[in-house]
N, C-alpha and C. Protein backbone atom coordinates (compact mmCIF):
# COMPACT_ATOMS: atom_id res chain seq x y z
N UNK A 1 9.04 -4.22 -48.35
CA UNK A 1 8.70 -3.11 -46.98
C UNK A 1 7.94 -1.81 -46.90
N UNK A 2 6.91 -0.75 -46.69
CA UNK A 2 7.22 0.50 -46.77
C UNK A 2 7.38 0.41 -45.08
N UNK A 3 8.29 1.77 -45.44
CA UNK A 3 8.91 2.49 -43.83
C UNK A 3 7.87 2.27 -42.86
N UNK A 4 7.20 2.60 -42.69
CA UNK A 4 5.92 2.96 -41.71
C UNK A 4 5.30 0.87 -41.24
N UNK A 5 5.57 0.55 -42.11
CA UNK A 5 4.88 -0.82 -41.81
C UNK A 5 6.08 -1.31 -40.66
N UNK A 6 7.57 -0.57 -41.42
CA UNK A 6 8.98 -1.23 -40.19
C UNK A 6 9.06 -0.26 -39.10
N UNK A 7 8.28 0.85 -39.33
CA UNK A 7 8.08 1.36 -37.87
C UNK A 7 7.26 0.77 -37.13
N UNK A 8 5.78 0.48 -37.97
CA UNK A 8 5.32 -0.57 -36.72
C UNK A 8 5.54 -1.69 -36.26
N UNK A 9 6.22 -2.07 -37.12
CA UNK A 9 6.35 -3.52 -36.22
C UNK A 9 7.61 -3.67 -35.80
N UNK A 10 8.32 -2.41 -35.45
CA UNK A 10 9.78 -2.16 -34.11
C UNK A 10 9.21 -1.88 -32.93
N UNK A 11 8.05 -0.99 -33.40
CA UNK A 11 6.95 -0.46 -32.61
C UNK A 11 6.93 -1.36 -31.69
N UNK A 12 5.79 -2.58 -32.68
CA UNK A 12 4.63 -3.40 -31.93
C UNK A 12 6.09 -4.57 -30.70
N UNK A 13 7.10 -4.85 -31.85
CA UNK A 13 8.25 -5.26 -30.56
C UNK A 13 9.40 -5.16 -29.21
N UNK A 14 8.81 -3.86 -29.83
CA UNK A 14 8.76 -3.13 -28.23
C UNK A 14 7.68 -3.09 -27.24
N UNK A 15 6.36 -2.70 -27.45
CA UNK A 15 5.78 -2.66 -26.73
C UNK A 15 5.23 -4.25 -26.10
N UNK A 16 5.62 -5.01 -27.24
CA UNK A 16 4.96 -6.73 -26.23
C UNK A 16 5.69 -7.19 -25.07
N UNK A 17 7.35 -7.05 -24.53
CA UNK A 17 7.42 -7.45 -23.58
C UNK A 17 6.82 -7.01 -23.04
N UNK A 18 7.07 -5.41 -22.27
CA UNK A 18 6.31 -5.00 -21.49
C UNK A 18 5.19 -5.27 -21.07
N UNK A 19 4.02 -5.74 -22.18
CA UNK A 19 2.97 -6.13 -21.68
C UNK A 19 3.13 -7.62 -20.93
N UNK A 20 3.30 -8.28 -21.77
CA UNK A 20 4.30 -10.08 -21.36
C UNK A 20 4.28 -9.66 -19.70
N UNK A 21 5.62 -8.67 -19.24
CA UNK A 21 6.19 -8.66 -18.10
C UNK A 21 4.71 -8.48 -17.16
N UNK A 22 3.71 -7.48 -17.83
CA UNK A 22 2.94 -7.04 -16.95
C UNK A 22 1.57 -7.98 -16.87
N UNK A 23 1.50 -8.83 -18.13
CA UNK A 23 0.74 -10.07 -17.30
C UNK A 23 0.99 -11.20 -15.92
N UNK A 24 2.87 -10.82 -16.50
CA UNK A 24 2.95 -12.31 -16.09
C UNK A 24 3.20 -11.98 -14.35
N UNK A 25 3.26 -10.04 -14.35
CA UNK A 25 3.09 -10.05 -13.24
C UNK A 25 1.91 -9.69 -12.42
N UNK A 26 0.65 -9.31 -12.64
CA UNK A 26 -0.82 -9.89 -13.22
C UNK A 26 -1.25 -10.79 -12.16
N UNK A 27 -0.32 -12.16 -13.13
CA UNK A 27 -0.72 -13.79 -12.91
C UNK A 27 -0.47 -14.00 -11.13
N UNK A 28 0.83 -13.65 -11.13
CA UNK A 28 1.47 -14.30 -9.85
C UNK A 28 0.64 -13.07 -8.60
N UNK A 29 0.86 -11.94 -9.22
CA UNK A 29 -0.16 -11.16 -7.52
C UNK A 29 -1.40 -11.62 -7.82
N UNK A 30 -2.41 -12.81 -8.51
CA UNK A 30 -3.77 -12.72 -8.91
C UNK A 30 -3.35 -13.66 -7.56
N UNK A 31 -2.21 -14.78 -7.84
CA UNK A 31 -1.93 -15.93 -6.44
C UNK A 31 -1.77 -15.55 -5.10
N UNK A 32 -0.78 -15.00 -5.33
CA UNK A 32 -0.97 -14.31 -3.99
C UNK A 32 -1.61 -13.55 -2.94
N UNK A 33 -2.43 -12.96 -3.25
CA UNK A 33 -3.72 -12.68 -3.42
C UNK A 33 -4.33 -12.84 -2.63
N UNK A 34 -4.60 -14.15 -3.30
CA UNK A 34 -5.57 -15.48 -3.74
C UNK A 34 -4.83 -15.86 -1.89
N UNK A 35 -4.07 -16.00 -2.16
CA UNK A 35 -3.28 -16.81 -0.24
C UNK A 35 -4.01 -15.90 0.94
N UNK A 36 -3.74 -14.06 0.15
CA UNK A 36 -3.64 -13.51 1.32
C UNK A 36 -4.61 -14.13 2.56
N UNK A 37 -5.90 -13.48 1.12
CA UNK A 37 -6.73 -13.90 1.83
C UNK A 37 -7.81 -14.50 2.48
N UNK A 38 -6.73 -16.11 2.18
CA UNK A 38 -7.42 -17.68 2.29
C UNK A 38 -6.03 -17.68 3.88
N UNK A 39 -5.20 -17.00 3.83
CA UNK A 39 -5.07 -16.99 5.05
C UNK A 39 -5.63 -15.90 6.05
N UNK A 40 -5.77 -14.99 5.78
CA UNK A 40 -6.47 -13.95 6.58
C UNK A 40 -7.38 -14.41 7.35
N UNK A 41 -8.26 -15.15 6.84
CA UNK A 41 -9.84 -15.61 6.83
C UNK A 41 -10.03 -16.76 7.58
N UNK A 42 -8.68 -17.71 7.35
CA UNK A 42 -8.10 -18.44 7.99
C UNK A 42 -7.82 -18.44 9.87
N UNK A 43 -7.15 -17.14 10.01
CA UNK A 43 -6.56 -16.65 11.03
C UNK A 43 -7.69 -15.73 11.83
N UNK A 44 -8.84 -15.21 11.12
CA UNK A 44 -10.37 -15.28 11.80
C UNK A 44 -11.26 -16.05 12.55
N UNK A 45 -11.00 -17.01 11.81
CA UNK A 45 -11.58 -18.33 12.56
C UNK A 45 -10.74 -18.95 13.69
N UNK A 46 -9.69 -18.77 13.60
CA UNK A 46 -8.59 -19.89 14.57
C UNK A 46 -9.04 -18.28 15.78
N UNK A 47 -8.95 -17.24 15.45
CA UNK A 47 -8.95 -15.86 16.22
C UNK A 47 -10.33 -16.15 17.48
N UNK A 48 -11.73 -16.70 16.18
CA UNK A 48 -12.85 -16.79 16.97
C UNK A 48 -12.99 -18.04 18.44
N UNK A 49 -11.28 -18.70 17.46
CA UNK A 49 -12.12 -20.69 18.17
C UNK A 49 -10.44 -20.51 19.85
N UNK A 50 -10.04 -18.67 19.77
CA UNK A 50 -9.10 -18.84 20.87
C UNK A 50 -8.00 -19.75 20.24
N UNK A 51 -7.93 -19.75 19.08
CA UNK A 51 -6.20 -20.79 18.89
C UNK A 51 -5.64 -19.45 18.18
N UNK A 52 -4.60 -18.80 19.41
CA UNK A 52 -4.65 -17.30 18.93
C UNK A 52 -2.86 -17.53 18.09
N UNK A 53 -2.24 -18.78 18.34
CA UNK A 53 -1.36 -18.93 18.50
C UNK A 53 -0.95 -19.37 16.72
N UNK A 54 -1.78 -20.25 16.36
CA UNK A 54 -2.55 -20.42 15.09
C UNK A 54 -2.68 -19.35 13.87
N UNK A 55 -3.17 -18.80 13.95
CA UNK A 55 -3.53 -17.20 14.12
C UNK A 55 -2.64 -16.00 13.60
N UNK A 56 -2.01 -16.00 14.81
CA UNK A 56 -0.75 -15.28 14.22
C UNK A 56 0.42 -16.67 13.30
N UNK A 57 0.74 -17.72 13.42
CA UNK A 57 1.38 -17.79 12.41
C UNK A 57 0.62 -17.76 10.90
N UNK A 58 -0.39 -18.34 10.70
CA UNK A 58 -1.44 -17.60 9.11
C UNK A 58 -1.18 -16.43 8.95
N UNK A 59 -1.46 -15.59 10.52
CA UNK A 59 -0.67 -13.37 9.75
C UNK A 59 0.54 -13.50 9.63
N UNK A 60 0.99 -14.45 9.81
CA UNK A 60 2.56 -13.59 9.59
C UNK A 60 2.91 -14.09 8.25
N UNK A 61 2.28 -15.59 7.66
CA UNK A 61 2.25 -15.46 6.39
C UNK A 61 2.17 -14.73 5.61
N UNK A 62 0.76 -14.42 5.95
CA UNK A 62 -0.22 -13.35 5.22
C UNK A 62 0.68 -12.00 4.70
N UNK A 63 1.75 -12.00 6.34
CA UNK A 63 2.76 -10.75 5.90
C UNK A 63 3.92 -10.72 4.99
N UNK A 64 4.29 -12.52 5.24
CA UNK A 64 5.20 -12.36 3.79
C UNK A 64 4.77 -12.00 2.67
N UNK A 65 4.17 -12.84 2.58
CA UNK A 65 3.17 -12.60 1.03
C UNK A 65 2.62 -10.41 0.42
N UNK A 66 2.47 -10.06 1.15
CA UNK A 66 2.54 -9.02 1.24
C UNK A 66 3.10 -7.76 0.86
N UNK A 67 4.61 -8.33 1.66
CA UNK A 67 5.60 -7.83 1.96
C UNK A 67 6.60 -7.89 0.03
N UNK A 68 6.47 -9.46 -0.78
CA UNK A 68 6.25 -10.11 -1.15
C UNK A 68 6.48 -9.81 -2.51
N UNK A 69 4.74 -9.07 -2.08
CA UNK A 69 4.03 -8.94 -3.56
C UNK A 69 4.07 -6.71 -3.76
N UNK A 70 4.30 -6.35 -2.81
CA UNK A 70 4.79 -5.15 -2.81
C UNK A 70 6.19 -4.67 -2.83
N UNK A 71 7.51 -5.40 -3.09
CA UNK A 71 8.41 -6.13 -4.06
C UNK A 71 8.64 -5.71 -5.13
N UNK A 72 7.71 -7.12 -5.50
CA UNK A 72 7.58 -7.71 -7.14
C UNK A 72 6.46 -6.13 -7.78
N UNK A 73 5.81 -5.96 -7.51
CA UNK A 73 5.14 -4.34 -7.74
C UNK A 73 5.45 -3.26 -8.13
N UNK A 74 6.53 -3.25 -7.67
CA UNK A 74 7.25 -1.98 -7.45
C UNK A 74 7.18 -1.32 -9.02
N UNK A 75 7.61 -2.25 -9.12
CA UNK A 75 7.72 -1.77 -11.26
C UNK A 75 6.15 -1.26 -12.11
N UNK A 76 5.27 -2.11 -11.44
CA UNK A 76 3.88 -2.11 -11.90
C UNK A 76 2.98 -1.70 -11.29
N UNK A 77 3.09 -0.38 -10.88
CA UNK A 77 2.18 0.67 -9.91
C UNK A 77 0.69 0.62 -10.58
N UNK A 78 0.01 0.63 -11.49
CA UNK A 78 -0.74 -0.47 -11.88
C UNK A 78 -1.24 -1.27 -10.94
N UNK A 79 -0.62 -2.29 -10.81
CA UNK A 79 -1.52 -3.72 -10.68
C UNK A 79 -1.34 -3.21 -8.79
N UNK A 80 -0.09 -2.46 -8.42
CA UNK A 80 -0.83 -2.87 -6.89
C UNK A 80 -1.27 -1.32 -6.25
N UNK A 81 -1.87 -0.69 -7.07
CA UNK A 81 -2.67 -0.37 -6.67
C UNK A 81 -3.96 0.08 -7.33
N UNK A 82 -4.54 -1.58 -7.88
CA UNK A 82 -5.05 -2.34 -8.00
C UNK A 82 -6.69 -2.47 -7.01
N UNK A 83 -7.48 -2.84 -7.79
CA UNK A 83 -8.42 -3.47 -6.75
C UNK A 83 -8.29 -5.00 -6.06
N UNK A 84 -7.42 -5.44 -6.78
CA UNK A 84 -7.04 -6.74 -6.45
C UNK A 84 -6.40 -6.81 -5.19
N UNK A 85 -5.12 -5.86 -5.35
CA UNK A 85 -4.52 -5.28 -3.98
C UNK A 85 -4.69 -5.21 -2.99
N UNK A 86 -5.93 -4.22 -3.56
CA UNK A 86 -6.42 -3.64 -1.99
C UNK A 86 -7.33 -4.52 -1.12
N UNK A 87 -7.85 -5.45 -2.54
CA UNK A 87 -8.95 -6.37 -1.77
C UNK A 87 -8.02 -7.24 -0.40
N UNK A 88 -6.59 -8.04 -1.07
CA UNK A 88 -6.42 -8.69 -0.58
C UNK A 88 -5.55 -8.02 0.43
N UNK A 89 -5.60 -6.87 1.54
CA UNK A 89 -4.81 -5.84 1.69
C UNK A 89 -5.76 -5.54 2.85
N UNK A 90 -7.27 -5.41 2.42
CA UNK A 90 -8.58 -5.31 3.59
C UNK A 90 -8.78 -6.26 4.09
N UNK A 91 -8.66 -7.31 3.81
CA UNK A 91 -8.67 -8.95 4.35
C UNK A 91 -7.50 -8.98 5.55
N UNK A 92 -6.69 -8.71 5.67
CA UNK A 92 -5.54 -8.95 5.82
C UNK A 92 -5.77 -7.63 7.04
N UNK A 93 -5.81 -6.34 6.08
CA UNK A 93 -5.97 -5.61 7.98
C UNK A 93 -7.26 -5.51 9.13
N UNK A 94 -8.36 -6.85 8.05
CA UNK A 94 -9.72 -7.02 8.72
C UNK A 94 -8.99 -8.13 9.82
N UNK A 95 -8.55 -8.46 9.72
CA UNK A 95 -7.52 -10.35 10.46
C UNK A 95 -6.77 -9.39 12.07
N UNK A 96 -5.52 -8.69 11.29
CA UNK A 96 -5.22 -8.16 11.88
C UNK A 96 -5.68 -7.65 13.29
N UNK A 97 -6.77 -6.75 12.70
CA UNK A 97 -7.21 -5.94 13.88
C UNK A 97 -8.29 -6.38 14.99
N UNK A 98 -8.97 -7.54 14.37
CA UNK A 98 -10.10 -8.24 15.06
C UNK A 98 -8.81 -8.82 15.88
N UNK A 99 -7.89 -10.37 15.32
CA UNK A 99 -6.85 -10.73 16.32
C UNK A 99 -6.15 -9.34 18.05
N UNK A 100 -5.42 -8.62 17.53
CA UNK A 100 -5.64 -7.65 18.02
C UNK A 100 -6.60 -7.72 19.25
N UNK A 101 -7.66 -7.19 19.12
CA UNK A 101 -9.06 -6.33 19.50
C UNK A 101 -9.19 -7.69 20.38
N UNK A 102 -9.90 -8.72 19.65
CA UNK A 102 -9.90 -9.69 20.74
C UNK A 102 -9.70 -10.72 21.49
N UNK A 103 -7.86 -10.64 20.87
CA UNK A 103 -6.44 -10.99 22.37
C UNK A 103 -6.66 -10.07 23.18
N UNK A 104 -6.27 -8.73 23.11
CA UNK A 104 -6.30 -7.67 24.00
C UNK A 104 -4.90 -7.38 23.89
N UNK A 105 -4.75 -7.48 22.42
CA UNK A 105 -2.90 -7.08 22.37
C UNK A 105 -3.33 -5.66 21.46
N UNK A 106 -1.75 -4.99 21.28
CA UNK A 106 -1.56 -3.30 20.46
C UNK A 106 -2.08 -2.83 19.17
N UNK A 107 -2.80 -2.26 19.35
CA UNK A 107 -4.13 -1.82 17.96
C UNK A 107 -2.73 -1.77 17.08
N UNK A 108 -2.89 -2.64 15.88
CA UNK A 108 -1.63 -2.35 14.84
C UNK A 108 -2.40 -1.13 14.12
N UNK A 109 -1.51 -0.47 13.69
CA UNK A 109 -2.15 1.20 12.77
C UNK A 109 -1.25 0.61 11.24
N UNK A 110 -1.51 1.46 10.55
CA UNK A 110 -1.15 1.62 8.59
C UNK A 110 0.28 1.64 8.62
N UNK A 111 0.88 1.38 9.37
CA UNK A 111 2.55 1.48 8.91
C UNK A 111 2.80 0.28 9.20
N UNK A 112 2.60 -0.08 10.23
CA UNK A 112 3.39 -0.98 10.89
C UNK A 112 3.15 -2.34 9.95
N UNK A 113 1.44 -2.38 9.68
CA UNK A 113 1.31 -3.36 7.97
C UNK A 113 1.09 -4.02 7.20
N UNK A 114 2.25 -2.30 6.33
CA UNK A 114 3.01 -2.29 5.11
C UNK A 114 1.82 -2.44 4.04
N UNK A 115 0.42 -1.66 4.74
CA UNK A 115 -1.19 -1.71 3.57
C UNK A 115 -1.40 -0.67 3.23
N UNK A 116 -2.22 0.05 2.25
CA UNK A 116 -2.29 1.94 1.97
C UNK A 116 -3.14 1.50 3.13
N UNK A 117 -3.18 3.30 2.99
CA UNK A 117 -4.43 3.70 3.99
C UNK A 117 -6.26 3.29 3.98
N UNK A 118 -6.45 3.38 2.49
CA UNK A 118 -7.71 2.94 2.16
C UNK A 118 -8.01 1.94 2.65
N UNK A 119 -6.64 0.23 2.03
CA UNK A 119 -7.60 -0.70 2.62
C UNK A 119 -7.94 -0.98 3.99
N UNK A 120 -6.43 0.08 5.25
CA UNK A 120 -6.53 0.05 5.81
C UNK A 120 -8.11 0.33 7.03
N UNK A 121 -8.36 1.19 6.10
CA UNK A 121 -10.06 1.86 7.09
C UNK A 121 -10.54 0.49 6.83
N UNK A 122 -10.59 0.45 5.37
CA UNK A 122 -11.49 -1.02 4.78
C UNK A 122 -11.64 -1.68 6.35
N UNK A 123 -10.88 -2.42 6.16
CA UNK A 123 -10.17 -3.85 7.43
C UNK A 123 -10.96 -3.17 8.76
N UNK A 124 -10.76 -1.77 8.86
CA UNK A 124 -11.58 -1.51 10.39
C UNK A 124 -13.03 -1.08 9.84
N UNK A 125 -13.58 -0.92 9.83
CA UNK A 125 -14.29 -1.08 9.49
C UNK A 125 -14.89 -2.89 9.37
N UNK A 126 -14.57 -3.33 8.54
CA UNK A 126 -15.08 -5.08 8.37
C UNK A 126 -14.67 -6.02 9.58
N UNK A 127 -13.36 -4.88 10.42
CA UNK A 127 -14.13 -5.29 11.64
C UNK A 127 -14.93 -5.60 12.57
N UNK A 128 -15.71 -4.68 12.62
CA UNK A 128 -17.01 -4.46 13.49
C UNK A 128 -17.61 -5.44 13.29
N UNK A 129 -18.09 -6.07 12.13
CA UNK A 129 -18.46 -7.64 11.90
C UNK A 129 -17.97 -8.98 12.70
N UNK A 130 -17.29 -8.31 13.12
CA UNK A 130 -16.13 -10.35 13.64
C UNK A 130 -16.42 -9.49 15.06
N UNK A 131 -16.31 -8.64 15.73
CA UNK A 131 -16.33 -7.94 16.87
C UNK A 131 -17.98 -8.15 17.13
N UNK A 132 -19.12 -7.97 16.75
CA UNK A 132 -20.24 -8.25 16.47
C UNK A 132 -20.19 -10.09 16.48
N UNK A 133 -19.79 -10.97 15.99
CA UNK A 133 -19.99 -11.98 15.54
C UNK A 133 -19.55 -12.11 17.34
N UNK A 134 -17.98 -12.36 17.60
CA UNK A 134 -17.64 -12.13 18.82
C UNK A 134 -17.99 -11.60 20.13
N UNK A 135 -18.28 -11.17 20.35
CA UNK A 135 -20.12 -10.82 21.26
C UNK A 135 -21.18 -11.75 21.84
N UNK A 136 -21.43 -12.15 20.47
CA UNK A 136 -22.86 -12.88 20.77
C UNK A 136 -22.00 -14.06 20.76
N UNK A 137 -20.88 -15.22 21.29
CA UNK A 137 -20.95 -16.07 21.04
C UNK A 137 -20.07 -16.49 22.34
N UNK A 138 -19.96 -14.70 22.79
CA UNK A 138 -19.82 -15.03 24.36
C UNK A 138 -21.01 -14.92 25.63
N UNK A 139 -21.46 -13.69 24.36
CA UNK A 139 -22.87 -14.02 25.57
C UNK A 139 -23.64 -15.31 25.58
N UNK A 140 -23.80 -15.95 23.58
CA UNK A 140 -23.85 -17.61 23.96
C UNK A 140 -23.08 -18.94 25.42
N UNK A 141 -22.09 -17.97 25.71
CA UNK A 141 -21.32 -18.91 27.39
C UNK A 141 -21.71 -18.33 28.40
N UNK A 142 -22.42 -16.84 28.21
CA UNK A 142 -23.20 -15.83 29.56
C UNK A 142 -21.65 -15.13 29.86
N UNK A 143 -21.06 -14.96 28.52
CA UNK A 143 -19.72 -14.15 29.43
C UNK A 143 -19.39 -12.97 28.82
N UNK A 144 -19.83 -12.03 29.77
CA UNK A 144 -20.65 -10.60 29.32
C UNK A 144 -19.13 -10.22 29.66
N UNK A 145 -18.08 -10.25 30.11
CA UNK A 145 -17.21 -9.39 31.09
C UNK A 145 -16.38 -8.73 29.79
N UNK A 146 -16.34 -8.53 28.56
CA UNK A 146 -16.20 -7.72 27.70
C UNK A 146 -16.92 -7.46 26.49
N UNK A 147 -17.92 -7.90 26.85
CA UNK A 147 -18.76 -7.48 25.58
C UNK A 147 -19.21 -5.46 25.31
N UNK A 148 -19.25 -4.86 26.63
CA UNK A 148 -19.90 -3.44 27.19
C UNK A 148 -18.69 -3.18 26.53
N UNK A 149 -17.19 -3.62 26.53
CA UNK A 149 -16.15 -2.23 26.30
C UNK A 149 -15.71 -3.34 25.20
N UNK A 150 -15.98 -4.12 24.12
CA UNK A 150 -15.71 -3.92 22.98
C UNK A 150 -17.14 -3.54 21.64
N UNK A 151 -18.68 -3.41 22.81
CA UNK A 151 -19.39 -2.26 21.99
C UNK A 151 -19.23 -1.35 21.75
N UNK A 152 -17.80 -0.51 22.93
CA UNK A 152 -17.77 1.14 22.87
C UNK A 152 -16.63 0.58 21.36
N UNK A 153 -15.83 0.07 21.11
CA UNK A 153 -15.02 0.22 20.71
C UNK A 153 -15.44 0.01 19.07
N UNK A 154 -16.51 -0.59 18.97
CA UNK A 154 -17.46 -0.76 17.56
C UNK A 154 -17.62 0.70 17.69
N UNK A 155 -17.90 1.55 18.43
CA UNK A 155 -18.96 2.91 18.44
C UNK A 155 -17.66 4.03 17.61
N UNK A 156 -16.84 3.84 17.95
CA UNK A 156 -15.54 4.60 17.81
C UNK A 156 -15.15 4.36 17.23
N UNK A 157 -14.82 2.66 16.28
CA UNK A 157 -14.28 2.55 14.42
C UNK A 157 -15.72 3.21 13.37
N UNK A 158 -17.37 3.59 13.99
CA UNK A 158 -18.03 4.22 13.63
C UNK A 158 -17.64 5.54 13.13
N UNK A 159 -17.68 6.02 14.43
CA UNK A 159 -17.23 7.50 14.72
C UNK A 159 -16.16 8.02 14.28
N UNK A 160 -15.43 7.16 13.56
CA UNK A 160 -13.91 7.12 13.13
C UNK A 160 -14.23 7.36 11.31
N UNK A 161 -14.63 6.29 11.00
CA UNK A 161 -15.02 6.17 9.89
C UNK A 161 -16.71 7.10 8.92
N UNK A 162 -17.40 7.23 10.33
CA UNK A 162 -17.99 8.88 9.55
C UNK A 162 -17.15 10.26 8.87
N UNK A 163 -16.12 10.31 9.98
CA UNK A 163 -14.71 11.07 9.81
C UNK A 163 -14.29 11.43 8.59
N UNK A 164 -14.26 10.23 7.69
CA UNK A 164 -13.50 9.70 6.82
C UNK A 164 -14.36 9.93 5.44
N UNK A 165 -15.21 10.63 4.86
CA UNK A 165 -16.09 11.53 3.86
C UNK A 165 -15.17 11.55 2.65
N UNK A 166 -14.84 10.74 2.47
CA UNK A 166 -13.90 11.96 1.07
C UNK A 166 -14.52 10.67 -0.27
N UNK A 167 -14.05 11.34 -1.85
CA UNK A 167 -14.58 10.31 -2.45
C UNK A 167 -14.07 9.34 -3.21
N UNK A 168 -15.13 8.34 -3.61
CA UNK A 168 -14.74 6.75 -3.40
C UNK A 168 -13.04 6.80 -4.63
N UNK A 169 -12.63 6.96 -5.41
CA UNK A 169 -11.47 7.51 -5.50
C UNK A 169 -10.56 7.14 -5.20
N UNK A 170 -10.78 7.75 -3.95
CA UNK A 170 -10.18 7.56 -2.23
C UNK A 170 -10.08 6.39 -1.93
N UNK A 171 -10.96 7.06 -1.14
CA UNK A 171 -11.57 5.47 -0.59
C UNK A 171 -12.13 4.34 -0.91
N UNK A 172 -11.95 3.41 -1.98
CA UNK A 172 -12.46 3.01 -2.67
C UNK A 172 -14.10 3.08 -2.38
N UNK A 173 -13.92 2.28 -1.34
CA UNK A 173 -15.88 1.04 -1.51
C UNK A 173 -15.99 0.99 0.43
N UNK A 174 -15.41 2.71 1.24
CA UNK A 174 -15.38 2.80 2.33
C UNK A 174 -16.43 3.52 2.59
N UNK A 175 -17.23 4.02 2.01
CA UNK A 175 -18.36 4.75 2.11
C UNK A 175 -19.31 3.86 2.23
N UNK A 176 -19.37 2.46 1.47
CA UNK A 176 -20.53 1.18 1.62
C UNK A 176 -20.12 0.43 3.54
N UNK A 177 -19.28 0.12 3.21
CA UNK A 177 -18.63 -0.05 4.36
C UNK A 177 -19.27 0.32 5.51
N UNK A 178 -18.85 1.44 6.02
CA UNK A 178 -19.52 2.51 6.72
C UNK A 178 -21.06 2.55 7.16
N UNK A 179 -21.64 2.21 5.88
CA UNK A 179 -22.64 2.33 5.70
C UNK A 179 -23.99 1.14 6.64
N UNK A 180 -22.91 0.04 6.13
CA UNK A 180 -22.88 -1.20 6.99
C UNK A 180 -23.29 -1.67 8.49
N UNK A 181 -22.20 -0.41 8.87
CA UNK A 181 -21.55 -1.02 10.17
C UNK A 181 -23.14 -0.44 11.18
N UNK A 182 -23.52 0.88 10.81
CA UNK A 182 -24.44 1.50 12.22
C UNK A 182 -25.61 0.21 12.33
N UNK A 183 -26.07 -0.72 11.15
CA UNK A 183 -26.89 -1.57 11.55
C UNK A 183 -26.37 -2.53 12.17
N UNK A 184 -25.11 -2.49 12.71
CA UNK A 184 -24.18 -4.10 12.62
C UNK A 184 -24.87 -3.99 14.70
N UNK A 185 -23.94 -1.75 14.38
CA UNK A 185 -23.56 -2.13 16.06
C UNK A 185 -25.09 -2.55 16.19
N UNK A 186 -26.08 -1.02 16.26
CA UNK A 186 -27.58 -1.39 16.81
C UNK A 186 -28.09 -2.55 16.95
N UNK A 187 -27.74 -3.10 16.13
CA UNK A 187 -28.44 -4.89 16.71
C UNK A 187 -27.19 -5.75 17.72
N UNK A 188 -26.24 -5.42 16.93
CA UNK A 188 -25.50 -5.81 19.19
C UNK A 188 -26.29 -4.91 20.22
N UNK A 189 -26.27 -3.97 20.02
CA UNK A 189 -26.56 -3.44 21.08
C UNK A 189 -27.89 -3.69 21.49
N UNK A 190 -29.09 -4.24 20.82
CA UNK A 190 -30.00 -4.88 20.89
C UNK A 190 -29.52 -5.43 21.90
N UNK A 191 -29.02 -6.44 21.76
CA UNK A 191 -28.87 -8.49 21.37
C UNK A 191 -28.07 -8.33 22.62
N UNK A 192 -27.49 -7.50 23.26
CA UNK A 192 -26.56 -7.24 24.61
C UNK A 192 -26.90 -6.88 25.43
N UNK A 193 -28.31 -6.17 25.27
CA UNK A 193 -29.48 -4.78 26.61
C UNK A 193 -30.29 -5.91 26.60
N UNK A 194 -31.41 -6.82 25.86
CA UNK A 194 -31.69 -8.28 26.50
C UNK A 194 -30.79 -9.53 27.08
N UNK A 195 -29.88 -9.25 26.68
CA UNK A 195 -28.98 -10.57 27.54
C UNK A 195 -28.76 -9.93 28.61
N UNK A 196 -28.17 -8.85 29.12
CA UNK A 196 -27.74 -7.99 30.09
C UNK A 196 -29.32 -8.13 31.07
N UNK A 197 -30.49 -7.71 30.38
CA UNK A 197 -32.14 -8.32 31.16
C UNK A 197 -32.28 -8.72 31.61
N UNK A 198 -31.81 -10.06 30.87
CA UNK A 198 -32.28 -11.58 31.48
C UNK A 198 -31.14 -11.65 32.39
N UNK A 199 -29.76 -11.35 32.02
CA UNK A 199 -29.05 -11.93 33.29
C UNK A 199 -29.86 -11.42 34.77
N UNK A 200 -29.63 -10.26 34.65
CA UNK A 200 -30.22 -9.94 36.29
C UNK A 200 -31.32 -9.98 36.90
N UNK A 201 -32.27 -10.71 36.12
CA UNK A 201 -33.93 -11.15 36.09
C UNK A 201 -32.68 -12.37 36.72
N UNK A 202 -32.61 -13.06 36.06
CA UNK A 202 -32.51 -14.70 37.41
C UNK A 202 -31.27 -14.16 38.10
N UNK A 203 -30.08 -13.46 38.47
CA UNK A 203 -30.01 -12.89 38.91
C UNK A 203 -31.13 -12.77 40.01
N UNK A 204 -31.90 -11.81 40.70
CA UNK A 204 -32.49 -11.04 41.16
C UNK A 204 -33.70 -13.08 41.64
N UNK A 205 -34.24 -13.81 40.59
CA UNK A 205 -34.85 -14.76 40.71
C UNK A 205 -33.96 -15.56 41.27
N UNK A 206 -32.48 -15.84 41.85
CA UNK A 206 -31.63 -16.78 42.38
C UNK A 206 -31.72 -15.97 43.63
N UNK A 207 -31.36 -15.23 43.48
CA UNK A 207 -32.11 -14.21 45.09
C UNK A 207 -33.14 -14.99 45.96
N UNK A 208 -33.82 -14.05 45.51
CA UNK A 208 -35.16 -14.49 46.06
C UNK A 208 -35.92 -15.87 46.10
N UNK A 209 -35.75 -17.11 45.66
CA UNK A 209 -35.24 -18.52 45.87
C UNK A 209 -33.90 -18.62 47.65
């Protein structure tokens, strides 16, 4: 056997454990990310149903999974900063932000969530759609108590994201998220305006009777 062949075999034996470990870490991360996304989605559903205790339990489980993920991938930087992990962090951020806004709790900051800044901003943008859903549900119940407040929050989120005009490499899918928010806000403003006018008209007619 030539020296070159021996060298290649040695190189291969050294590289194989590295990629085997990366593959094992990826498979575990994939399972964890799916669980985080599932818990986050279920938490948002619970929030809309006013099941805030259930939402907190689900978000706590998602947080534990993300902490474990960060620890497991500490030696696998490429995986830690992959789109797979980013998406899980984004969904978690969306759920935490949505829950805080609807429940009237303290607004979660990026550092307290243990996630990347880009994922936080993406989650912040995605929460606008959930606020629209909450406002529409409130209008159906004739509950106008927080609609204008939350619409103002949606406007503020849009304004903040508009200032984050950075390259895709840094901000991932933020620009696409920001572009969709404007239409969501305008539709919500229109729906709220129509409902408020109708409510005032009903009140006037009631007074006349």
